C-alpha atoms as a PDB file:
ATOM      1  CA  MET A   1      -3.928 -48.608  10.274  1.00  0.00           C
ATOM      2  CA  ASN A   2      -0.963 -49.629   8.154  1.00  0.00           C
ATOM      3  CA  GLY A   3       1.605 -46.822   8.381  1.00  0.00           C
ATOM      4  CA  ARG A   4       2.846 -47.596   4.871  1.00  0.00           C
ATOM      5  CA  LEU A   5      -0.438 -46.318   3.434  1.00  0.00           C
ATOM      6  CA  ASN A   6       0.236 -42.852   4.843  1.00  0.00           C
ATOM      7  CA  ARG A   7       3.685 -42.446   3.368  1.00  0.00           C
ATOM      8  CA  PRO A   8       3.885 -40.072   0.397  1.00  0.00           C
ATOM      9  CA  ARG A   9       5.053 -41.620  -2.867  1.00  0.00           C
ATOM     10  CA  PRO A  10       6.951 -38.924  -4.813  1.00  0.00           C
ATOM     11  CA  TRP A  11       7.098 -40.997  -7.994  1.00  0.00           C
ATOM     12  CA  LEU A  12       3.316 -41.449  -7.979  1.00  0.00           C
ATOM     13  CA  MET A  13       2.635 -37.748  -7.336  1.00  0.00           C
ATOM     14  CA  THR A  14       5.035 -36.788 -10.110  1.00  0.00           C
ATOM     15  CA  LEU A  15       3.241 -39.122 -12.508  1.00  0.00           C
ATOM     16  CA  LEU A  16      -0.188 -37.764 -11.563  1.00  0.00           C
ATOM     17  CA  CYS A  17       0.949 -34.151 -11.833  1.00  0.00           C
ATOM     18  CA  ALA A  18       2.453 -34.746 -15.244  1.00  0.00           C
ATOM     19  CA  ALA A  19      -0.613 -36.533 -16.548  1.00  0.00           C
ATOM     20  CA  LEU A  20      -3.479 -34.534 -15.081  1.00  0.00           C
ATOM     21  CA  GLY A  21      -2.252 -31.447 -13.258  1.00  0.00           C
ATOM     22  CA  ALA A  22      -2.481 -31.237  -9.458  1.00  0.00           C
ATOM     23  CA  CYS A  23      -2.630 -28.972  -6.469  1.00  0.00           C
ATOM     24  CA  ILE A  24       0.766 -28.626  -4.808  1.00  0.00           C
ATOM     25  CA  THR A  25       1.073 -28.531  -1.021  1.00  0.00           C
ATOM     26  CA  LEU A  26       4.235 -27.155   0.536  1.00  0.00           C
ATOM     27  CA  GLY A  27       3.479 -26.195   4.100  1.00  0.00           C
ATOM     28  CA  GLY A  28      -0.111 -25.526   3.037  1.00  0.00           C
ATOM     29  CA  VAL A  29      -1.873 -25.517  -0.306  1.00  0.00           C
ATOM     30  CA  THR A  30      -0.272 -22.829  -2.432  1.00  0.00           C
ATOM     31  CA  GLY A  31      -1.035 -23.483  -6.071  1.00  0.00           C
ATOM     32  CA  CYS A  32      -2.229 -25.775  -8.834  1.00  0.00           C
ATOM     33  CA  THR A  33      -0.340 -26.912 -11.887  1.00  0.00           C
ATOM     34  CA  ARG A  34      -1.443 -28.158 -15.257  1.00  0.00           C
ATOM     35  CA  LEU A  35       0.408 -29.658 -18.185  1.00  0.00           C
ATOM     36  CA  ALA A  36       1.617 -26.919 -20.555  1.00  0.00           C
ATOM     37  CA  ASN A  37       4.433 -26.138 -22.929  1.00  0.00           C
ATOM     38  CA  ASN A  38       6.213 -23.233 -21.282  1.00  0.00           C
ATOM     39  CA  PRO A  39       9.497 -21.505 -22.023  1.00  0.00           C
ATOM     40  CA  SER A  40      12.363 -21.911 -19.640  1.00  0.00           C
ATOM     41  CA  SER A  41      12.797 -19.157 -17.055  1.00  0.00           C
ATOM     42  CA  ALA A  42      16.184 -18.639 -18.702  1.00  0.00           C
ATOM     43  CA  ASP A  43      14.572 -17.960 -22.082  1.00  0.00           C
ATOM     44  CA  PRO A  44      15.639 -14.429 -23.083  1.00  0.00           C
ATOM     45  CA  ASN A  45      12.418 -14.100 -25.070  1.00  0.00           C
ATOM     46  CA  ALA A  46      10.168 -14.950 -22.122  1.00  0.00           C
ATOM     47  CA  LEU A  47       7.715 -12.349 -20.858  1.00  0.00           C
ATOM     48  CA  GLN A  48       9.314 -10.657 -17.848  1.00  0.00           C
ATOM     49  CA  ILE A  49       8.841  -7.859 -15.336  1.00  0.00           C
ATOM     50  CA  GLY A  50       9.512  -4.603 -17.153  1.00  0.00           C
ATOM     51  CA  ASP A  51       8.049  -5.815 -20.444  1.00  0.00           C
ATOM     52  CA  PRO A  52       4.941  -4.258 -22.016  1.00  0.00           C
ATOM     53  CA  ALA A  53       1.817  -6.166 -21.005  1.00  0.00           C
ATOM     54  CA  PRO A  54       0.210  -8.072 -23.875  1.00  0.00           C
ATOM     55  CA  PRO A  55      -3.249  -6.815 -24.883  1.00  0.00           C
ATOM     56  CA  LEU A  56      -6.178  -8.760 -23.475  1.00  0.00           C
ATOM     57  CA  SER A  57      -8.127 -10.977 -25.838  1.00  0.00           C
ATOM     58  CA  LEU A  58     -10.937 -12.508 -23.794  1.00  0.00           C
ATOM     59  CA  SER A  59     -14.009 -14.449 -24.854  1.00  0.00           C
ATOM     60  CA  ARG A  60     -16.625 -13.065 -22.484  1.00  0.00           C
ATOM     61  CA  PHE A  61     -16.886 -11.182 -19.204  1.00  0.00           C
ATOM     62  CA  VAL A  62     -19.043 -13.138 -16.772  1.00  0.00           C
ATOM     63  CA  MET A  63     -18.820 -10.451 -14.085  1.00  0.00           C
ATOM     64  CA  GLY A  64     -18.139  -6.731 -14.463  1.00  0.00           C
ATOM     65  CA  GLU A  65     -17.683  -4.367 -17.356  1.00  0.00           C
ATOM     66  CA  PRO A  66     -15.533  -5.693 -20.228  1.00  0.00           C
ATOM     67  CA  VAL A  67     -11.893  -4.696 -20.522  1.00  0.00           C
ATOM     68  CA  SER A  68      -9.977  -5.451 -23.693  1.00  0.00           C
ATOM     69  CA  GLY A  69      -6.891  -4.519 -25.629  1.00  0.00           C
ATOM     70  CA  ASP A  70      -4.283  -2.172 -24.204  1.00  0.00           C
ATOM     71  CA  LEU A  71      -4.100  -1.947 -20.389  1.00  0.00           C
ATOM     72  CA  SER A  72      -2.386   1.441 -20.169  1.00  0.00           C
ATOM     73  CA  GLY A  73      -4.056   4.334 -18.364  1.00  0.00           C
ATOM     74  CA  LYS A  74      -4.738   2.560 -15.063  1.00  0.00           C
ATOM     75  CA  ILE A  75      -3.184  -0.112 -12.852  1.00  0.00           C
ATOM     76  CA  HIS A  76      -4.541  -3.585 -13.635  1.00  0.00           C
ATOM     77  CA  VAL A  77      -4.187  -6.945 -11.940  1.00  0.00           C
ATOM     78  CA  VAL A  78      -4.655  -9.854 -14.348  1.00  0.00           C
ATOM     79  CA  GLU A  79      -5.078 -13.069 -12.365  1.00  0.00           C
ATOM     80  CA  PHE A  80      -5.305 -16.568 -13.800  1.00  0.00           C
ATOM     81  CA  TRP A  81      -7.494 -19.053 -11.950  1.00  0.00           C
ATOM     82  CA  ALA A  82      -9.910 -21.979 -12.348  1.00  0.00           C
ATOM     83  CA  THR A  83     -13.024 -23.151 -10.532  1.00  0.00           C
ATOM     84  CA  TRP A  84     -11.422 -26.557  -9.851  1.00  0.00           C
ATOM     85  CA  CYS A  85      -8.378 -25.051  -8.104  1.00  0.00           C
ATOM     86  CA  PRO A  86      -8.706 -24.791  -4.279  1.00  0.00           C
ATOM     87  CA  PRO A  87      -5.914 -22.176  -3.870  1.00  0.00           C
ATOM     88  CA  CYS A  88      -7.622 -20.063  -6.532  1.00  0.00           C
ATOM     89  CA  ARG A  89     -10.864 -20.130  -4.591  1.00  0.00           C
ATOM     90  CA  ALA A  90      -8.991 -19.392  -1.371  1.00  0.00           C
ATOM     91  CA  SER A  91      -7.494 -16.258  -2.959  1.00  0.00           C
ATOM     92  CA  MET A  92     -10.835 -14.842  -4.091  1.00  0.00           C
ATOM     93  CA  PRO A  93     -11.925 -13.204  -0.800  1.00  0.00           C
ATOM     94  CA  HIS A  94      -8.512 -11.566  -0.538  1.00  0.00           C
ATOM     95  CA  LEU A  95      -8.597 -10.225  -4.092  1.00  0.00           C
ATOM     96  CA  SER A  96     -12.165  -9.024  -3.560  1.00  0.00           C
ATOM     97  CA  GLY A  97     -11.048  -7.088  -0.501  1.00  0.00           C
ATOM     98  CA  LEU A  98      -8.218  -5.482  -2.452  1.00  0.00           C
ATOM     99  CA  GLN A  99     -10.562  -4.554  -5.301  1.00  0.00           C
ATOM    100  CA  THR A 100     -12.804  -2.807  -2.779  1.00  0.00           C
ATOM    101  CA  GLN A 101      -9.845  -1.110  -1.115  1.00  0.00           C
ATOM    102  CA  TYR A 102      -8.376   0.132  -4.401  1.00  0.00           C
ATOM    103  CA  ALA A 103     -11.651   0.606  -6.275  1.00  0.00           C
ATOM    104  CA  GLU A 104     -10.568   3.967  -7.724  1.00  0.00           C
ATOM    105  CA  ASP A 105      -7.012   2.972  -8.538  1.00  0.00           C
ATOM    106  CA  VAL A 106      -6.885  -0.651  -9.697  1.00  0.00           C
ATOM    107  CA  THR A 107      -8.927  -2.913 -11.960  1.00  0.00           C
ATOM    108  CA  PHE A 108      -8.774  -6.613 -11.109  1.00  0.00           C
ATOM    109  CA  ILE A 109      -9.581  -9.194 -13.771  1.00  0.00           C
ATOM    110  CA  GLY A 110      -9.822 -12.931 -13.077  1.00  0.00           C
ATOM    111  CA  VAL A 111      -9.195 -15.011 -16.200  1.00  0.00           C
ATOM    112  CA  THR A 112     -10.093 -18.696 -16.659  1.00  0.00           C
ATOM    113  CA  ASP A 113     -10.029 -20.902 -19.740  1.00  0.00           C
ATOM    114  CA  GLU A 114     -13.189 -22.701 -18.621  1.00  0.00           C
ATOM    115  CA  ASP A 115     -16.490 -22.214 -20.408  1.00  0.00           C
ATOM    116  CA  VAL A 116     -19.122 -19.687 -19.366  1.00  0.00           C
ATOM    117  CA  ALA A 117     -21.541 -22.331 -18.066  1.00  0.00           C
ATOM    118  CA  THR A 118     -18.907 -23.746 -15.711  1.00  0.00           C
ATOM    119  CA  VAL A 119     -18.090 -20.310 -14.294  1.00  0.00           C
ATOM    120  CA  GLU A 120     -21.751 -19.320 -13.923  1.00  0.00           C
ATOM    121  CA  SER A 121     -22.483 -22.587 -12.125  1.00  0.00           C
ATOM    122  CA  PHE A 122     -19.548 -21.973  -9.780  1.00  0.00           C
ATOM    123  CA  LEU A 123     -20.771 -18.450  -8.987  1.00  0.00           C
ATOM    124  CA  GLU A 124     -24.086 -19.827  -7.783  1.00  0.00           C
ATOM    125  CA  GLN A 125     -22.404 -22.128  -5.289  1.00  0.00           C
ATOM    126  CA  PRO A 126     -21.874 -21.069  -1.646  1.00  0.00           C
ATOM    127  CA  SER A 127     -18.519 -19.573  -0.704  1.00  0.00           C
ATOM    128  CA  PRO A 128     -16.776 -20.188   2.641  1.00  0.00           C
ATOM    129  CA  GLU A 129     -18.590 -17.066   3.874  1.00  0.00           C
ATOM    130  CA  GLU A 130     -21.878 -18.914   3.241  1.00  0.00           C
ATOM    131  CA  ILE A 131     -22.991 -16.540   0.522  1.00  0.00           C
ATOM    132  CA  PRO A 132     -22.857 -17.265  -3.220  1.00  0.00           C
ATOM    133  CA  TRP A 133     -19.523 -16.599  -4.886  1.00  0.00           C
ATOM    134  CA  SER A 134     -21.289 -14.083  -7.113  1.00  0.00           C
ATOM    135  CA  GLU A 135     -22.010 -11.956  -4.027  1.00  0.00           C
ATOM    136  CA  LEU A 136     -18.548 -12.315  -2.531  1.00  0.00           C
ATOM    137  CA  ILE A 137     -16.451 -11.535  -5.614  1.00  0.00           C
ATOM    138  CA  THR A 138     -16.116  -7.805  -6.286  1.00  0.00           C
ATOM    139  CA  TYR A 139     -13.875  -7.867  -9.362  1.00  0.00           C
ATOM    140  CA  ARG A 140     -14.262  -8.772 -13.025  1.00  0.00           C
ATOM    141  CA  LEU A 141     -14.243 -12.374 -14.203  1.00  0.00           C
ATOM    142  CA  ALA A 142     -13.698 -13.326 -17.813  1.00  0.00           C
ATOM    143  CA  THR A 143     -13.388 -16.495 -19.872  1.00  0.00           C
ATOM    144  CA  ASP A 144     -10.492 -17.185 -22.207  1.00  0.00           C
ATOM    145  CA  SER A 145     -11.862 -20.119 -24.196  1.00  0.00           C
ATOM    146  CA  GLY A 146      -9.257 -19.905 -26.915  1.00  0.00           C
ATOM    147  CA  ARG A 147      -6.478 -19.467 -24.325  1.00  0.00           C
ATOM    148  CA  ALA A 148      -5.117 -16.468 -26.223  1.00  0.00           C
ATOM    149  CA  THR A 149      -4.609 -14.423 -23.068  1.00  0.00           C
ATOM    150  CA  TYR A 150      -3.295 -17.439 -21.157  1.00  0.00           C
ATOM    151  CA  SER A 151      -0.710 -18.002 -23.879  1.00  0.00           C
ATOM    152  CA  ALA A 152       0.237 -14.309 -24.042  1.00  0.00           C
ATOM    153  CA  TYR A 153       0.786 -14.079 -20.267  1.00  0.00           C
ATOM    154  CA  MET A 154       1.197 -17.406 -18.491  1.00  0.00           C
ATOM    155  CA  GLN A 155       2.833 -19.455 -21.211  1.00  0.00           C
ATOM    156  CA  ALA A 156       4.971 -16.555 -22.420  1.00  0.00           C
ATOM    157  CA  ALA A 157       6.202 -15.935 -18.872  1.00  0.00           C
ATOM    158  CA  GLY A 158       6.920 -19.607 -18.187  1.00  0.00           C
ATOM    159  CA  GLN A 159       4.280 -19.793 -15.453  1.00  0.00           C
ATOM    160  CA  THR A 160       2.736 -23.240 -14.940  1.00  0.00           C
ATOM    161  CA  GLY A 161       0.898 -22.798 -11.632  1.00  0.00           C
ATOM    162  CA  ILE A 162      -2.365 -21.083 -10.787  1.00  0.00           C
ATOM    163  CA  PRO A 163      -3.388 -18.836  -9.243  1.00  0.00           C
ATOM    164  CA  THR A 164      -0.869 -16.432 -10.723  1.00  0.00           C
ATOM    165  CA  ALA A 165      -1.313 -12.662 -10.855  1.00  0.00           C
ATOM    166  CA  PHE A 166       0.334 -10.020 -13.030  1.00  0.00           C
ATOM    167  CA  ILE A 167       0.414  -6.367 -11.929  1.00  0.00           C
ATOM    168  CA  VAL A 168       0.374  -3.970 -14.876  1.00  0.00           C
ATOM    169  CA  ASP A 169       1.091  -0.298 -14.173  1.00  0.00           C
ATOM    170  CA  GLY A 170      -0.595   2.729 -15.697  1.00  0.00           C
ATOM    171  CA  GLU A 171       1.940   2.766 -18.518  1.00  0.00           C
ATOM    172  CA  GLY A 172       0.964  -0.755 -19.514  1.00  0.00           C
ATOM    173  CA  VAL A 173       4.166  -2.356 -18.169  1.00  0.00           C
ATOM    174  CA  ILE A 174       4.305  -5.554 -16.114  1.00  0.00           C
ATOM    175  CA  ARG A 175       5.637  -4.697 -12.655  1.00  0.00           C
ATOM    176  CA  TRP A 176       5.100  -7.909 -10.667  1.00  0.00           C
ATOM    177  CA  ILE A 177       4.278 -11.596 -11.189  1.00  0.00           C
ATOM    178  CA  GLY A 178       3.356 -13.934  -8.361  1.00  0.00           C
ATOM    179  CA  HIS A 179       0.802 -15.580  -6.108  1.00  0.00           C
ATOM    180  CA  PRO A 180      -2.242 -13.399  -5.333  1.00  0.00           C
ATOM    181  CA  LEU A 181      -1.774 -13.814  -1.582  1.00  0.00           C
ATOM    182  CA  ASP A 182       1.631 -12.133  -1.900  1.00  0.00           C
ATOM    183  CA  ILE A 183       0.379  -9.166  -3.907  1.00  0.00           C
ATOM    184  CA  ASP A 184      -0.379  -6.669  -1.128  1.00  0.00           C
ATOM    185  CA  ALA A 185       3.008  -4.979  -0.686  1.00  0.00           C
ATOM    186  CA  PRO A 186       3.943  -4.564  -4.369  1.00  0.00           C
ATOM    187  CA  LEU A 187       0.439  -3.398  -5.257  1.00  0.00           C
ATOM    188  CA  HIS A 188       0.348  -0.852  -2.436  1.00  0.00           C
ATOM    189  CA  GLN A 189       3.752   0.465  -3.440  1.00  0.00           C
ATOM    190  CA  LEU A 190       2.694   0.865  -7.057  1.00  0.00           C
ATOM    191  CA  VAL A 191      -0.564   2.608  -6.124  1.00  0.00           C
ATOM    192  CA  GLU A 192       1.294   5.030  -3.875  1.00  0.00           C
ATOM    193  CA  GLN A 193       3.846   5.762  -6.611  1.00  0.00           C
ATOM    194  CA  SER A 194       1.071   6.463  -9.085  1.00  0.00           C
ATOM    195  CA  LYS A 195      -0.326   9.170  -6.813  1.00  0.00           C
ATOM    196  CA  ARG A 196       2.941  11.061  -6.482  1.00  0.00           C
ATOM    197  CA  PRO A 197       3.354  14.136  -8.682  1.00  0.00           C
ATOM    198  CA  SER A 198       5.545  13.381 -11.657  1.00  0.00           C
ATOM    199  CA  ARG A 199       8.884  15.170 -11.731  1.00  0.00           C
ATOM    200  CA  ALA A 200       9.475  17.561 -14.598  1.00  0.00           C
END
């Protein structure tokens, strides 16, 4: 086989990513990107950790009881994903395990801008555990067809890659932003803090 065919072409990958969006591999598949107009991370007006979480404005909940508006009163994880994104699918068993572990303390919501039919079709497909995704996933899934919630969170925070998760504390404040596979430690810490008696 011609060795030249196996050599990566950075200029070609950059062009494809810019035009279509792509999954990025750095020592393993970690995330997917799509073309979007996002503020610079240096933008003082960008949504940041410590800011109030924007209210949810979602089209329809495909799985689980609906959640809308203000997120105060309980810890929430708002995670942005898509059916076409392999790292998103790879994160789902992990997030499902965390939802089961923290069932009384945390509400997980997966948000996609795809239509309901696409998500419902995906849920009928077999997962890596050889059961339908609808049986594996234990947390809420919602569609964001108008991308209002995507704009309020992802675009406002300058996030271009999915999956991306936002932890919102019981006061409705964003406490962490990152990849779902890195969420364990900050989520555990926040749950433990929420159980401590408040100081007078």
